[in-house]
Amino acid sequence: MNVLSGTLDAIGKSWKILMADKELIVFPVLSGILCLLVSASFFFPVSRSGGDLAALYAHNRAGFIVLSFLFYFCNYFLITFFNCAVIACAEIRMAGGDPTVSDGFKASWAVVTFIAAWAVVEATVGVALKMLQGRGGRRNLITGTLGTMWTMASFFVAPRMVIDRTDPFTAFKSAWSDVKGNWGHQLIGGVSFGLLGILASLPAVLLLFASGFRNLPALIFCVLWVLSVALLTSTLRSIFQASLYLSMKDGSVS
């Protein structure tokens, strides 16, 4: 019950911060746009050359690994950079300040070398998990479990980097010890945000079914609705990271 109440308290704080600083949604918007551009810059050249990723893997495994690493690195760098910006602004708000978008960019830029180093680590893990992944069955279950464990173990790395200005390797060592005592908060938070996203997207899904998937304005509205929900929950997750980490530091959550 203590874990549940502490997690719900952190989620409640996250919502209040987002309502006070709605401009924080700018960060996941920029992250999403830039990640789409990165994806396009990788996949379009491959498709225009007449090949595909499966063919590249079959004929040039080293090239595929390098391409995958660069793809993961660019995306993880962008995601972490903007995630750190949201976390920094959330910290300012929880300290009684009034954060701006500029404050978020400044905070992330101050630790950009840490973010780049962490993106290298995440890209390496991402490629390794991709190489281990099979086609269904036990291997996918194992890689899925390992991926979940990695996500939980690295949960507090971004807050430590941007709030405490700790290098990512030291942050990961500390974060791993943190998560052993706070995995319940992460689990409840993850489930809560997942349910929030599903429930908030439900009206759009029902409208889509009611229109028979043939009404273009309804389809556009539903897509924009679901994207808005995704941006909202993404921002809340980042604020939740900051809220839970700061609560853990001051001892109000353990």
Protein backbone atom coordinates (compact mmCIF):
# COMPACT_ATOMS: atom_id res chain seq x y z
CA MET A 1 0.00 0.00 0.00
CA ASN A 2 2.91 2.36 0.68
CA VAL A 3 4.28 1.66 -2.79
CA LEU A 4 0.86 2.24 -4.35
CA SER A 5 0.19 5.48 -2.49
CA GLY A 6 3.71 6.80 -3.16
CA THR A 7 3.43 6.03 -6.87
CA LEU A 8 -0.03 7.56 -7.20
CA ASP A 9 1.24 10.64 -5.36
CA ALA A 10 4.09 10.98 -7.87
CA ILE A 11 1.62 10.57 -10.76
CA GLY A 12 -0.62 13.22 -9.23
CA LYS A 13 2.31 15.62 -8.95
CA SER A 14 3.20 14.90 -12.57
CA TRP A 15 -0.28 15.85 -13.73
CA LYS A 16 -0.27 19.10 -11.73
CA ILE A 17 3.11 20.06 -13.17
CA LEU A 18 1.95 19.40 -16.73
CA MET A 19 -1.18 21.50 -16.16
CA ALA A 20 1.00 24.33 -14.83
CA ASP A 21 3.55 23.99 -17.64
CA LYS A 22 1.68 22.78 -20.73
CA GLU A 23 4.53 24.00 -22.92
CA LEU A 24 6.53 20.95 -21.81
CA ILE A 25 4.68 18.98 -24.50
CA VAL A 26 6.92 20.82 -26.99
CA PHE A 27 9.80 18.52 -26.06
CA PRO A 28 8.17 15.17 -26.98
CA VAL A 29 6.74 16.84 -30.11
CA LEU A 30 10.23 17.84 -31.26
CA SER A 31 11.60 14.45 -30.24
CA GLY A 32 8.95 12.64 -32.28
CA ILE A 33 9.44 14.82 -35.37
CA LEU A 34 13.22 14.50 -35.31
CA CYS A 35 13.08 10.74 -34.72
CA LEU A 36 10.77 10.41 -37.74
CA LEU A 37 13.26 12.38 -39.83
CA VAL A 38 16.09 10.15 -38.63
CA SER A 39 14.08 7.04 -39.52
CA ALA A 40 13.34 8.44 -42.96
CA SER A 41 17.00 9.29 -43.55
CA PHE A 42 17.94 5.67 -42.83
CA PHE A 43 15.14 3.73 -44.51
CA PHE A 44 14.51 5.73 -47.68
CA PRO A 45 18.07 5.33 -49.04
CA VAL A 46 17.86 1.57 -48.44
CA SER A 47 14.48 1.28 -50.17
CA ARG A 48 15.52 3.51 -53.08
CA SER A 49 18.57 1.34 -53.66
CA GLY A 50 16.25 -1.56 -54.38
CA GLY A 51 17.18 -3.54 -51.29
CA ASP A 52 15.76 -4.03 -47.82
CA LEU A 53 17.09 -4.55 -44.32
CA ALA A 54 16.74 -8.33 -44.53
CA ALA A 55 18.83 -8.40 -47.70
CA LEU A 56 21.43 -6.12 -46.13
CA TYR A 57 21.66 -8.40 -43.11
CA ALA A 58 22.03 -11.49 -45.30
CA HIS A 59 24.73 -10.06 -47.57
CA ASN A 60 26.57 -7.64 -45.29
CA ARG A 61 26.07 -8.41 -41.63
CA ALA A 62 28.78 -5.96 -40.49
CA GLY A 63 27.17 -3.17 -42.51
CA PHE A 64 23.78 -4.02 -41.02
CA ILE A 65 25.18 -3.87 -37.47
CA VAL A 66 26.86 -0.51 -38.11
CA LEU A 67 23.70 0.90 -39.71
CA SER A 68 21.56 -0.40 -36.83
CA PHE A 69 23.94 1.07 -34.25
CA LEU A 70 23.87 4.51 -35.91
CA PHE A 71 20.08 4.35 -36.17
CA TYR A 72 19.67 3.45 -32.49
CA PHE A 73 22.27 6.01 -31.42
CA CYS A 74 20.59 8.92 -33.21
CA ASN A 75 17.15 8.03 -31.90
CA TYR A 76 18.26 7.34 -28.33
CA PHE A 77 20.25 10.57 -28.28
CA LEU A 78 17.21 12.60 -29.34
CA ILE A 79 14.82 10.81 -27.00
CA THR A 80 17.15 11.19 -24.00
CA PHE A 81 17.99 14.81 -24.82
CA PHE A 82 14.35 15.91 -24.82
CA ASN A 83 13.49 13.62 -21.91
CA CYS A 84 16.19 15.32 -19.85
CA ALA A 85 14.73 18.69 -20.83
CA VAL A 86 11.31 17.74 -19.43
CA ILE A 87 12.90 16.33 -16.27
CA ALA A 88 14.90 19.53 -15.73
CA CYS A 89 11.80 21.71 -16.10
CA ALA A 90 9.85 19.45 -13.75
CA GLU A 91 12.60 19.80 -11.14
CA ILE A 92 12.44 23.60 -11.44
CA ARG A 93 8.66 23.57 -10.95
CA MET A 94 8.87 21.23 -7.94
CA ALA A 95 11.49 23.53 -6.43
CA GLY A 96 9.02 26.42 -6.64
CA GLY A 97 10.31 27.98 -9.85
CA ASP A 98 8.62 28.75 -13.16
CA PRO A 99 10.43 26.82 -15.91
CA THR A 100 10.54 27.77 -19.56
CA VAL A 101 11.29 25.78 -22.69
CA SER A 102 14.64 27.56 -22.80
CA ASP A 103 15.47 26.21 -19.32
CA GLY A 104 14.91 22.68 -20.57
CA PHE A 105 17.17 23.12 -23.57
CA LYS A 106 19.90 24.70 -21.45
CA ALA A 107 19.78 21.86 -18.91
CA SER A 108 20.02 19.16 -21.58
CA TRP A 109 22.77 20.97 -23.44
CA ALA A 110 24.77 21.25 -20.20
CA VAL A 111 24.96 17.44 -20.07
CA VAL A 112 25.00 16.75 -23.81
CA THR A 113 28.25 14.77 -23.56
CA PHE A 114 26.68 12.56 -20.89
CA ILE A 115 23.61 12.11 -23.10
CA ALA A 116 25.79 11.14 -26.08
CA ALA A 117 27.74 8.63 -23.97
CA TRP A 118 24.52 7.11 -22.67
CA ALA A 119 23.13 6.93 -26.22
CA VAL A 120 26.19 4.84 -27.15
CA VAL A 121 25.38 2.44 -24.31
CA GLU A 122 21.69 2.25 -25.22
CA ALA A 123 22.47 1.76 -28.91
CA THR A 124 24.84 -1.10 -28.05
CA VAL A 125 22.19 -2.76 -25.90
CA GLY A 126 19.55 -2.18 -28.57
CA VAL A 127 21.65 -3.81 -31.30
CA ALA A 128 22.55 -6.72 -29.01
CA LEU A 129 18.89 -7.37 -28.19
CA LYS A 130 17.97 -7.11 -31.86
CA MET A 131 20.64 -9.65 -32.79
CA LEU A 132 19.37 -12.02 -30.09
CA GLN A 133 15.79 -11.70 -31.20
CA GLY A 134 14.34 -14.65 -33.08
CA ARG A 135 11.12 -15.30 -34.90
CA GLY A 136 8.67 -16.03 -32.12
CA GLY A 137 8.96 -18.56 -29.34
CA ARG A 138 11.41 -18.65 -26.48
CA ARG A 139 14.05 -16.28 -27.91
CA ASN A 140 11.55 -13.44 -28.24
CA LEU A 141 10.35 -14.08 -24.69
CA ILE A 142 13.94 -13.91 -23.43
CA THR A 143 14.81 -10.74 -25.37
CA GLY A 144 11.54 -9.15 -24.28
CA THR A 145 12.30 -9.94 -20.66
CA LEU A 146 15.86 -8.62 -20.98
CA GLY A 147 14.56 -5.46 -22.64
CA THR A 148 12.09 -4.87 -19.81
CA MET A 149 14.79 -5.43 -17.22
CA TRP A 150 17.09 -2.99 -19.01
CA THR A 151 14.36 -0.35 -19.16
CA MET A 152 13.70 -0.69 -15.44
CA ALA A 153 17.39 -0.75 -14.52
CA SER A 154 18.10 2.43 -16.50
CA PHE A 155 14.97 4.27 -15.33
CA PHE A 156 16.80 6.76 -13.07
CA VAL A 157 19.80 7.39 -15.33
CA ALA A 158 18.31 10.44 -17.06
CA PRO A 159 17.21 12.13 -13.80
CA ARG A 160 20.63 11.53 -12.26
CA MET A 161 22.41 12.93 -15.30
CA VAL A 162 20.41 16.14 -15.62
CA ILE A 163 19.52 16.78 -11.96
CA ASP A 164 22.75 15.69 -10.25
CA ARG A 165 25.06 16.17 -13.28
CA THR A 166 26.31 12.61 -12.81
CA ASP A 167 28.04 10.81 -15.68
CA PRO A 168 25.91 8.02 -17.17
CA PHE A 169 28.09 5.15 -15.97
CA THR A 170 28.05 6.28 -12.35
CA ALA A 171 24.36 7.09 -12.76
CA PHE A 172 23.63 3.59 -14.01
CA LYS A 173 25.42 1.98 -11.06
CA SER A 174 23.37 4.08 -8.67
CA ALA A 175 20.18 3.65 -10.67
CA TRP A 176 20.50 -0.13 -10.53
CA SER A 177 20.65 -0.02 -6.73
CA ASP A 178 17.74 2.44 -6.75
CA VAL A 179 15.54 0.25 -8.88
CA LYS A 180 15.98 -2.74 -6.56
CA GLY A 181 14.08 -0.80 -3.93
CA ASN A 182 11.71 1.04 -6.25
CA TRP A 183 10.73 -1.41 -8.97
CA GLY A 184 7.19 -1.49 -7.58
CA HIS A 185 6.78 2.24 -8.21
CA GLN A 186 7.95 1.78 -11.79
CA LEU A 187 5.61 -1.14 -12.35
CA ILE A 188 2.56 0.64 -10.98
CA GLY A 189 3.49 3.83 -12.83
CA GLY A 190 3.95 1.98 -16.11
CA VAL A 191 0.62 0.19 -15.78
CA SER A 192 -1.13 3.42 -14.78
CA PHE A 193 0.19 5.39 -17.75
CA GLY A 194 -0.60 2.49 -20.06
CA LEU A 195 -4.21 2.38 -18.85
CA LEU A 196 -4.43 6.16 -19.10
CA GLY A 197 -3.30 6.03 -22.72
CA ILE A 198 -5.75 3.25 -23.59
CA LEU A 199 -8.74 4.93 -21.92
CA ALA A 200 -7.93 8.33 -23.40
CA SER A 201 -7.60 6.81 -26.90
CA LEU A 202 -10.84 4.83 -26.61
CA PRO A 203 -13.16 7.62 -27.88
CA ALA A 204 -11.08 7.95 -31.06
CA VAL A 205 -11.13 4.19 -31.62
CA LEU A 206 -14.91 4.03 -31.13
CA LEU A 207 -15.38 6.94 -33.54
CA LEU A 208 -13.20 5.17 -36.10
CA PHE A 209 -15.30 2.01 -35.88
CA ALA A 210 -18.53 4.01 -36.02
CA SER A 211 -17.37 5.75 -39.22
CA GLY A 212 -16.50 2.43 -40.81
CA PHE A 213 -12.93 3.54 -41.48
CA ARG A 214 -14.18 5.38 -44.59
CA ASN A 215 -14.72 8.91 -43.31
CA LEU A 216 -11.51 10.85 -44.02
CA PRO A 217 -12.17 13.75 -41.59
CA ALA A 218 -12.96 11.23 -38.84
CA LEU A 219 -9.81 9.29 -39.66
CA ILE A 220 -7.65 12.43 -39.50
CA PHE A 221 -9.30 13.46 -36.24
CA CYS A 222 -8.69 10.03 -34.71
CA VAL A 223 -5.04 10.00 -35.74
CA LEU A 224 -4.49 13.47 -34.28
CA TRP A 225 -6.34 12.45 -31.11
CA VAL A 226 -4.20 9.35 -30.58
CA LEU A 227 -1.02 11.31 -31.30
CA SER A 228 -2.07 13.93 -28.75
CA VAL A 229 -2.68 11.23 -26.16
CA ALA A 230 0.73 9.71 -26.90
CA LEU A 231 2.42 13.09 -26.47
CA LEU A 232 0.53 13.72 -23.25
CA THR A 233 1.45 10.37 -21.70
CA SER A 234 5.06 10.68 -22.89
CA THR A 235 5.40 14.05 -21.15
CA LEU A 236 3.76 12.70 -18.00
CA ARG A 237 6.17 9.75 -17.93
CA SER A 238 9.17 12.09 -18.03
CA ILE A 239 7.73 14.30 -15.28
CA PHE A 240 6.96 11.14 -13.31
CA GLN A 241 10.64 10.14 -13.56
CA ALA A 242 11.66 13.45 -12.03
CA SER A 243 8.94 13.37 -9.38
CA LEU A 244 9.71 9.82 -8.31
CA TYR A 245 13.46 10.42 -8.28
CA LEU A 246 13.22 13.59 -6.20
CA SER A 247 10.75 11.91 -3.83
CA MET A 248 13.20 9.05 -3.47
CA LYS A 249 16.04 11.48 -2.73
CA ASP A 250 14.16 13.30 0.02
CA GLY A 251 12.92 10.05 1.53
CA SER A 252 9.20 10.55 0.94
CA VAL A 253 9.20 7.49 -1.36
CA SER A 254 11.21 4.36 -0.56
